[in-house]
Amino acid sequence: MEKPPSVGDKEKKLAKQRKKELEKLQAEDKKRKTEFRVKIEKEINDFINDSAKTRLKYEPMDRVYRSIVHDVAEVAGLTTFSFGERDDNRYMIVFKKEFAPTDEELAAYRSGKIIDPEEAREIYKTKAASSKEDCQISSTHEKDFVPTTNYRDKYKKLIGEDAAKDAARTLEANKQFGFVPSANKRDKRSVEEMMNDIRAKKKQKQAEESTEQPSSSTD
C-alpha cells in the first residue's frame, strides 16, 4: 500500500502546474503581440504608399498595443497622437509628416470632434499658404524700410561731416604696427647716446650728493 502524498509534495506539484500555465499564457501573449506587430507594419507600409491618404485612424486599444503602433510608426518616420480621456477608449491616429496636424486640429480631436481627412487636407493647405504669404509680406517690409532720421545728423558733433567709412579711406597704414614710427619721435638721439647721457646724469647726481654731506670733525 502506497503512502499518502505529503503536504510538501502537493505544493510542489501545484507550483509546477502553475508555472506551466504561466509559461503557456506568456507564449500566447507574445505570439499575439508578434502577429499584431506584423499586421501594423503591413498597414503602415500600405498607408505610406497610398498618396491619397494623409492619416490612418485606429480603433481604441490597450496601452501595450498602442505602444506597438507608436514604435512601428516612429521607425517609418510618421507622427502619431493618442486621443481619449479614459485608457479604455483611447484611440490613435497616424499622420504623414508632410500633413502633420495643426494646433486647431489637435484641439478638435481632443474635444471629441471628428474631422474629415479631406477637410484636414484643406486646413493644412490654407495654413501653409497663409504662412508663405506672411513671409513674403515680412520680406517686402524689410526691403521698403526707410529710417525716419539720419544718424549722421544726430551724431554730427562726434563723427564730423564725413562718415567713419569715408574718413577711414584717408588714413595711411602704419608700417610699424604696434611701435611708434621714428618720424613721430621727438628725441632724435640714438640708444647709445641716451644711455651715455643717463650714466652721466647719474654720476653727476652722486657727486652732488657726496659734496652736500657734512665732513666729520674731531674735538
C-alpha atoms as a PDB file:
ATOM      1  CA  MET A   1       0.000   0.000   0.000  1.00  0.00           C
ATOM      2  CA  GLU A   2       1.374   3.428  -1.069  1.00  0.00           C
ATOM      3  CA  LYS A   3       1.894   6.265   1.359  1.00  0.00           C
ATOM      4  CA  PRO A   4      -0.433   9.275   1.045  1.00  0.00           C
ATOM      5  CA  PRO A   5       1.326  12.279  -0.555  1.00  0.00           C
ATOM      6  CA  SER A   6       2.750  14.753   1.922  1.00  0.00           C
ATOM      7  CA  VAL A   7       1.767  18.435   2.002  1.00  0.00           C
ATOM      8  CA  GLY A   8       5.137  19.362   0.557  1.00  0.00           C
ATOM      9  CA  ASP A   9       4.659  17.126  -2.473  1.00  0.00           C
ATOM     10  CA  LYS A  10       1.219  18.617  -3.205  1.00  0.00           C
ATOM     11  CA  GLU A  11       2.568  22.169  -3.083  1.00  0.00           C
ATOM     12  CA  LYS A  12       5.434  21.276  -5.404  1.00  0.00           C
ATOM     13  CA  LYS A  13       3.035  19.692  -7.879  1.00  0.00           C
ATOM     14  CA  LEU A  14       0.700  22.723  -7.846  1.00  0.00           C
ATOM     15  CA  ALA A  15       3.618  25.122  -8.225  1.00  0.00           C
ATOM     16  CA  LYS A  16       4.901  23.158 -11.212  1.00  0.00           C
ATOM     17  CA  GLN A  17       1.448  23.162 -12.796  1.00  0.00           C
ATOM     18  CA  ARG A  18       1.023  26.928 -12.259  1.00  0.00           C
ATOM     19  CA  LYS A  19       4.431  27.549 -13.789  1.00  0.00           C
ATOM     20  CA  LYS A  20       3.483  25.616 -16.924  1.00  0.00           C
ATOM     21  CA  GLU A  21       0.224  27.531 -17.245  1.00  0.00           C
ATOM     22  CA  LEU A  22       2.035  30.848 -16.813  1.00  0.00           C
ATOM     23  CA  GLU A  23       4.618  29.964 -19.453  1.00  0.00           C
ATOM     24  CA  LYS A  24       1.805  28.958 -21.803  1.00  0.00           C
ATOM     25  CA  LEU A  25      -0.006  32.262 -21.265  1.00  0.00           C
ATOM     26  CA  GLN A  26       3.204  34.227 -21.794  1.00  0.00           C
ATOM     27  CA  ALA A  27       3.914  32.368 -25.025  1.00  0.00           C
ATOM     28  CA  GLU A  28       0.375  33.022 -26.287  1.00  0.00           C
ATOM     29  CA  ASP A  29       0.644  36.717 -25.347  1.00  0.00           C
ATOM     30  CA  LYS A  30       3.989  37.010 -27.113  1.00  0.00           C
ATOM     31  CA  LYS A  31       2.523  35.340 -30.199  1.00  0.00           C
ATOM     32  CA  ARG A  32      -0.461  37.745 -30.241  1.00  0.00           C
ATOM     33  CA  LYS A  33       1.838  40.787 -29.956  1.00  0.00           C
ATOM     34  CA  THR A  34       4.108  39.489 -32.715  1.00  0.00           C
ATOM     35  CA  GLU A  35       1.140  38.888 -35.020  1.00  0.00           C
ATOM     36  CA  PHE A  36      -0.259  42.328 -34.146  1.00  0.00           C
ATOM     37  CA  ARG A  37       3.079  43.987 -34.950  1.00  0.00           C
ATOM     38  CA  VAL A  38       3.284  42.221 -38.324  1.00  0.00           C
ATOM     39  CA  LYS A  39      -0.273  43.389 -39.079  1.00  0.00           C
ATOM     40  CA  ILE A  40       0.530  47.005 -38.108  1.00  0.00           C
ATOM     41  CA  GLU A  41       3.751  47.013 -40.153  1.00  0.00           C
ATOM     42  CA  LYS A  42       1.781  45.962 -43.239  1.00  0.00           C
ATOM     43  CA  GLU A  43      -0.917  48.590 -42.642  1.00  0.00           C
ATOM     44  CA  ILE A  44       1.685  51.322 -42.079  1.00  0.00           C
ATOM     45  CA  ASN A  45       3.538  50.312 -45.241  1.00  0.00           C
ATOM     46  CA  ASP A  46       0.310  50.394 -47.293  1.00  0.00           C
ATOM     47  CA  PHE A  47      -0.543  53.777 -45.746  1.00  0.00           C
ATOM     48  CA  ILE A  48       2.832  55.266 -46.751  1.00  0.00           C
ATOM     49  CA  ASN A  49       2.480  54.048 -50.326  1.00  0.00           C
ATOM     50  CA  ASP A  50      -1.075  55.398 -50.660  1.00  0.00           C
ATOM     51  CA  SER A  51      -0.689  59.034 -51.755  1.00  0.00           C
ATOM     52  CA  ALA A  52      -4.420  59.662 -51.336  1.00  0.00           C
ATOM     53  CA  LYS A  53      -4.310  59.075 -47.567  1.00  0.00           C
ATOM     54  CA  THR A  54      -2.935  61.656 -45.155  1.00  0.00           C
ATOM     55  CA  ARG A  55      -3.802  59.934 -41.849  1.00  0.00           C
ATOM     56  CA  LEU A  56      -4.619  56.498 -40.523  1.00  0.00           C
ATOM     57  CA  LYS A  57      -7.024  56.081 -37.591  1.00  0.00           C
ATOM     58  CA  TYR A  58      -7.078  53.078 -35.248  1.00  0.00           C
ATOM     59  CA  GLU A  59      -9.901  51.980 -33.002  1.00  0.00           C
ATOM     60  CA  PRO A  60      -9.452  52.141 -29.201  1.00  0.00           C
ATOM     61  CA  MET A  61      -6.915  49.589 -27.989  1.00  0.00           C
ATOM     62  CA  ASP A  62      -4.923  48.612 -24.923  1.00  0.00           C
ATOM     63  CA  ARG A  63      -1.880  50.649 -23.905  1.00  0.00           C
ATOM     64  CA  VAL A  64       0.546  47.847 -24.820  1.00  0.00           C
ATOM     65  CA  TYR A  65      -0.807  47.635 -28.370  1.00  0.00           C
ATOM     66  CA  ARG A  66      -0.780  51.431 -28.699  1.00  0.00           C
ATOM     67  CA  SER A  67       2.909  51.375 -27.819  1.00  0.00           C
ATOM     68  CA  ILE A  68       3.498  48.901 -30.668  1.00  0.00           C
ATOM     69  CA  VAL A  69       1.740  51.232 -33.130  1.00  0.00           C
ATOM     70  CA  HIS A  70       3.788  54.177 -31.834  1.00  0.00           C
ATOM     71  CA  ASP A  71       7.009  52.193 -32.277  1.00  0.00           C
ATOM     72  CA  VAL A  72       6.242  50.992 -35.814  1.00  0.00           C
ATOM     73  CA  ALA A  73       5.137  54.486 -36.918  1.00  0.00           C
ATOM     74  CA  GLU A  74       8.234  56.132 -35.454  1.00  0.00           C
ATOM     75  CA  VAL A  75      10.526  53.709 -37.283  1.00  0.00           C
ATOM     76  CA  ALA A  76       8.636  54.509 -40.507  1.00  0.00           C
ATOM     77  CA  GLY A  77       9.113  58.275 -39.974  1.00  0.00           C
ATOM     78  CA  LEU A  78       5.479  59.041 -39.191  1.00  0.00           C
ATOM     79  CA  THR A  79       3.804  61.063 -36.428  1.00  0.00           C
ATOM     80  CA  THR A  80       1.294  59.566 -34.001  1.00  0.00           C
ATOM     81  CA  PHE A  81      -1.140  61.010 -31.462  1.00  0.00           C
ATOM     82  CA  SER A  82      -3.449  59.343 -28.953  1.00  0.00           C
ATOM     83  CA  PHE A  83      -6.857  60.786 -28.104  1.00  0.00           C
ATOM     84  CA  GLY A  84      -9.452  59.941 -25.499  1.00  0.00           C
ATOM     85  CA  GLU A  85      -9.811  60.661 -21.801  1.00  0.00           C
ATOM     86  CA  ARG A  86     -10.061  57.124 -20.398  1.00  0.00           C
ATOM     87  CA  ASP A  87      -7.497  54.428 -21.075  1.00  0.00           C
ATOM     88  CA  ASP A  88     -10.122  52.003 -22.357  1.00  0.00           C
ATOM     89  CA  ASN A  89     -11.375  54.396 -25.064  1.00  0.00           C
ATOM     90  CA  ARG A  90      -8.093  55.965 -26.195  1.00  0.00           C
ATOM     91  CA  TYR A  91      -7.562  55.655 -29.918  1.00  0.00           C
ATOM     92  CA  MET A  92      -4.670  56.590 -32.190  1.00  0.00           C
ATOM     93  CA  ILE A  93      -4.201  58.491 -35.441  1.00  0.00           C
ATOM     94  CA  VAL A  94      -1.071  58.152 -37.553  1.00  0.00           C
ATOM     95  CA  PHE A  95      -0.140  61.215 -39.642  1.00  0.00           C
ATOM     96  CA  LYS A  96       2.217  61.617 -42.545  1.00  0.00           C
ATOM     97  CA  LYS A  97       4.788  64.248 -41.599  1.00  0.00           C
ATOM     98  CA  GLU A  98       4.019  66.444 -44.591  1.00  0.00           C
ATOM     99  CA  PHE A  99       0.412  66.556 -43.357  1.00  0.00           C
ATOM    100  CA  ALA A 100       1.108  66.950 -39.640  1.00  0.00           C
ATOM    101  CA  PRO A 101      -1.958  68.182 -37.700  1.00  0.00           C
ATOM    102  CA  THR A 102      -2.318  71.837 -36.794  1.00  0.00           C
ATOM    103  CA  ASP A 103      -2.931  73.004 -33.224  1.00  0.00           C
ATOM    104  CA  GLU A 104      -6.560  73.683 -34.084  1.00  0.00           C
ATOM    105  CA  GLU A 105      -6.989  70.188 -35.499  1.00  0.00           C
ATOM    106  CA  LEU A 106      -5.441  68.563 -32.407  1.00  0.00           C
ATOM    107  CA  ALA A 107      -7.721  70.625 -30.155  1.00  0.00           C
ATOM    108  CA  ALA A 108     -10.726  69.446 -32.173  1.00  0.00           C
ATOM    109  CA  TYR A 109      -9.698  65.787 -31.836  1.00  0.00           C
ATOM    110  CA  ARG A 110      -9.154  66.190 -28.084  1.00  0.00           C
ATOM    111  CA  SER A 111     -12.606  67.704 -27.703  1.00  0.00           C
ATOM    112  CA  GLY A 112     -14.139  64.675 -29.408  1.00  0.00           C
ATOM    113  CA  LYS A 113     -14.805  66.221 -32.816  1.00  0.00           C
ATOM    114  CA  ILE A 114     -14.289  64.002 -35.847  1.00  0.00           C
ATOM    115  CA  ILE A 115     -12.507  65.727 -38.734  1.00  0.00           C
ATOM    116  CA  ASP A 116     -12.852  64.515 -42.299  1.00  0.00           C
ATOM    117  CA  PRO A 117      -9.457  63.750 -43.944  1.00  0.00           C
ATOM    118  CA  GLU A 118     -10.263  65.978 -46.923  1.00  0.00           C
ATOM    119  CA  GLU A 119     -11.212  68.799 -44.562  1.00  0.00           C
ATOM    120  CA  ALA A 120      -7.921  68.317 -42.731  1.00  0.00           C
ATOM    121  CA  ARG A 121      -6.026  68.460 -46.027  1.00  0.00           C
ATOM    122  CA  GLU A 122      -7.679  71.794 -46.858  1.00  0.00           C
ATOM    123  CA  ILE A 123      -6.843  73.145 -43.387  1.00  0.00           C
ATOM    124  CA  TYR A 124      -3.210  72.221 -43.931  1.00  0.00           C
ATOM    125  CA  LYS A 125      -3.089  73.845 -47.388  1.00  0.00           C
ATOM    126  CA  THR A 126      -4.718  77.042 -46.095  1.00  0.00           C
ATOM    127  CA  LYS A 127      -2.295  77.333 -43.193  1.00  0.00           C
ATOM    128  CA  ALA A 128       0.722  76.650 -45.437  1.00  0.00           C
ATOM    129  CA  ALA A 129      -0.419  79.322 -47.921  1.00  0.00           C
ATOM    130  CA  SER A 130      -1.034  81.824 -45.099  1.00  0.00           C
ATOM    131  CA  SER A 131       2.415  81.186 -43.654  1.00  0.00           C
ATOM    132  CA  LYS A 132       4.022  81.689 -47.064  1.00  0.00           C
ATOM    133  CA  GLU A 133       2.118  84.950 -47.581  1.00  0.00           C
ATOM    134  CA  ASP A 134       3.216  86.246 -44.159  1.00  0.00           C
ATOM    135  CA  CYS A 135       6.847  85.545 -45.054  1.00  0.00           C
ATOM    136  CA  GLN A 136       6.511  87.430 -48.344  1.00  0.00           C
ATOM    137  CA  ILE A 137       4.903  90.445 -46.613  1.00  0.00           C
ATOM    138  CA  SER A 138       7.624  90.488 -43.971  1.00  0.00           C
ATOM    139  CA  SER A 139      10.329  90.353 -46.646  1.00  0.00           C
ATOM    140  CA  THR A 140       8.696  93.227 -48.577  1.00  0.00           C
ATOM    141  CA  HIS A 141       8.518  95.402 -45.478  1.00  0.00           C
ATOM    142  CA  GLU A 142      12.187  94.813 -44.778  1.00  0.00           C
ATOM    143  CA  LYS A 143      13.140  95.913 -48.300  1.00  0.00           C
ATOM    144  CA  ASP A 144      10.960  99.046 -48.171  1.00  0.00           C
ATOM    145  CA  PHE A 145      12.175 100.137 -44.734  1.00  0.00           C
ATOM    146  CA  VAL A 146      13.392 103.755 -44.688  1.00  0.00           C
ATOM    147  CA  PRO A 147      14.798 105.285 -41.463  1.00  0.00           C
ATOM    148  CA  THR A 148      12.983 108.388 -40.216  1.00  0.00           C
ATOM    149  CA  THR A 149      16.200 110.140 -39.148  1.00  0.00           C
ATOM    150  CA  ASN A 150      19.750 110.319 -40.422  1.00  0.00           C
ATOM    151  CA  TYR A 151      22.188 109.098 -37.806  1.00  0.00           C
ATOM    152  CA  ARG A 152      24.931 111.296 -39.328  1.00  0.00           C
ATOM    153  CA  ASP A 153      22.960 114.426 -38.448  1.00  0.00           C
ATOM    154  CA  LYS A 154      22.329 113.171 -34.916  1.00  0.00           C
ATOM    155  CA  TYR A 155      25.966 112.365 -34.222  1.00  0.00           C
ATOM    156  CA  LYS A 156      27.465 115.128 -36.343  1.00  0.00           C
ATOM    157  CA  LYS A 157      29.400 116.550 -33.415  1.00  0.00           C
ATOM    158  CA  LEU A 158      31.026 113.203 -32.737  1.00  0.00           C
ATOM    159  CA  ILE A 159      31.834 111.860 -36.198  1.00  0.00           C
ATOM    160  CA  GLY A 160      32.065 115.151 -38.108  1.00  0.00           C
ATOM    161  CA  GLU A 161      30.763 115.899 -41.552  1.00  0.00           C
ATOM    162  CA  ASP A 162      32.091 112.696 -43.074  1.00  0.00           C
ATOM    163  CA  ALA A 163      31.113 109.215 -42.047  1.00  0.00           C
ATOM    164  CA  ALA A 164      33.651 106.943 -40.431  1.00  0.00           C
ATOM    165  CA  LYS A 165      33.949 104.883 -43.626  1.00  0.00           C
ATOM    166  CA  ASP A 166      34.832 107.931 -45.693  1.00  0.00           C
ATOM    167  CA  ALA A 167      37.309 109.138 -43.113  1.00  0.00           C
ATOM    168  CA  ALA A 168      38.923 105.726 -42.914  1.00  0.00           C
ATOM    169  CA  ARG A 169      39.844 105.838 -46.600  1.00  0.00           C
ATOM    170  CA  THR A 170      42.225 108.777 -45.985  1.00  0.00           C
ATOM    171  CA  LEU A 171      44.193 107.015 -43.261  1.00  0.00           C
ATOM    172  CA  GLU A 172      47.579 105.511 -44.044  1.00  0.00           C
ATOM    173  CA  ALA A 173      48.616 102.213 -42.574  1.00  0.00           C
ATOM    174  CA  ASN A 174      51.480 102.338 -40.072  1.00  0.00           C
ATOM    175  CA  LYS A 175      54.314 100.202 -41.403  1.00  0.00           C
ATOM    176  CA  GLN A 176      55.500  99.516 -37.859  1.00  0.00           C
ATOM    177  CA  PHE A 177      52.178  98.494 -36.361  1.00  0.00           C
ATOM    178  CA  GLY A 178      52.451  98.302 -32.592  1.00  0.00           C
ATOM    179  CA  PHE A 179      55.511 100.588 -32.442  1.00  0.00           C
ATOM    180  CA  VAL A 180      55.985 104.358 -32.565  1.00  0.00           C
ATOM    181  CA  PRO A 181      57.275 105.423 -36.005  1.00  0.00           C
ATOM    182  CA  SER A 182      60.682 107.070 -35.994  1.00  0.00           C
ATOM    183  CA  ALA A 183      59.145 110.130 -37.668  1.00  0.00           C
ATOM    184  CA  ASN A 184      56.944 110.694 -34.604  1.00  0.00           C
ATOM    185  CA  LYS A 185      59.777 110.581 -32.083  1.00  0.00           C
ATOM    186  CA  ARG A 186      60.733 113.952 -30.577  1.00  0.00           C
ATOM    187  CA  ASP A 187      64.025 112.675 -29.184  1.00  0.00           C
ATOM    188  CA  LYS A 188      66.397 112.177 -32.142  1.00  0.00           C
ATOM    189  CA  ARG A 189      69.199 110.612 -30.072  1.00  0.00           C
ATOM    190  CA  SER A 190      70.319 107.066 -30.622  1.00  0.00           C
ATOM    191  CA  VAL A 191      70.011 104.449 -27.921  1.00  0.00           C
ATOM    192  CA  GLU A 192      73.745 104.620 -27.126  1.00  0.00           C
ATOM    193  CA  GLU A 193      73.632 108.374 -26.798  1.00  0.00           C
ATOM    194  CA  MET A 194      70.661 108.159 -24.483  1.00  0.00           C
ATOM    195  CA  MET A 195      72.407 105.574 -22.273  1.00  0.00           C
ATOM    196  CA  ASN A 196      75.562 107.689 -22.097  1.00  0.00           C
ATOM    197  CA  ASP A 197      73.544 110.758 -21.061  1.00  0.00           C
ATOM    198  CA  ILE A 198      71.732 108.726 -18.388  1.00  0.00           C
ATOM    199  CA  ARG A 199      75.065 107.465 -16.977  1.00  0.00           C
ATOM    200  CA  ALA A 200      76.497 110.970 -16.967  1.00  0.00           C
ATOM    201  CA  LYS A 201      73.474 112.387 -15.113  1.00  0.00           C
ATOM    202  CA  LYS A 202      73.682 109.545 -12.588  1.00  0.00           C
ATOM    203  CA  LYS A 203      77.361 110.223 -11.888  1.00  0.00           C
ATOM    204  CA  GLN A 204      76.699 113.949 -11.579  1.00  0.00           C
ATOM    205  CA  LYS A 205      73.892 113.315  -9.071  1.00  0.00           C
ATOM    206  CA  GLN A 206      76.105 111.028  -6.994  1.00  0.00           C
ATOM    207  CA  ALA A 207      78.855 113.640  -6.952  1.00  0.00           C
ATOM    208  CA  GLU A 208      76.420 116.357  -5.831  1.00  0.00           C
ATOM    209  CA  GLU A 209      75.085 114.157  -3.033  1.00  0.00           C
ATOM    210  CA  SER A 210      78.622 113.415  -1.765  1.00  0.00           C
ATOM    211  CA  THR A 211      79.600 117.106  -1.623  1.00  0.00           C
ATOM    212  CA  GLU A 212      76.435 118.023   0.267  1.00  0.00           C
ATOM    213  CA  GLN A 213      77.172 115.586   3.139  1.00  0.00           C
ATOM    214  CA  PRO A 214      78.973 117.398   6.089  1.00  0.00           C
ATOM    215  CA  SER A 215      82.505 116.229   6.872  1.00  0.00           C
ATOM    216  CA  SER A 216      83.018 114.669  10.323  1.00  0.00           C
ATOM    217  CA  SER A 217      85.330 116.605  12.773  1.00  0.00           C
ATOM    218  CA  THR A 218      87.076 115.519  15.965  1.00  0.00           C
ATOM    219  CA  ASP A 219      87.247 117.570  19.210  1.00  0.00           C
END
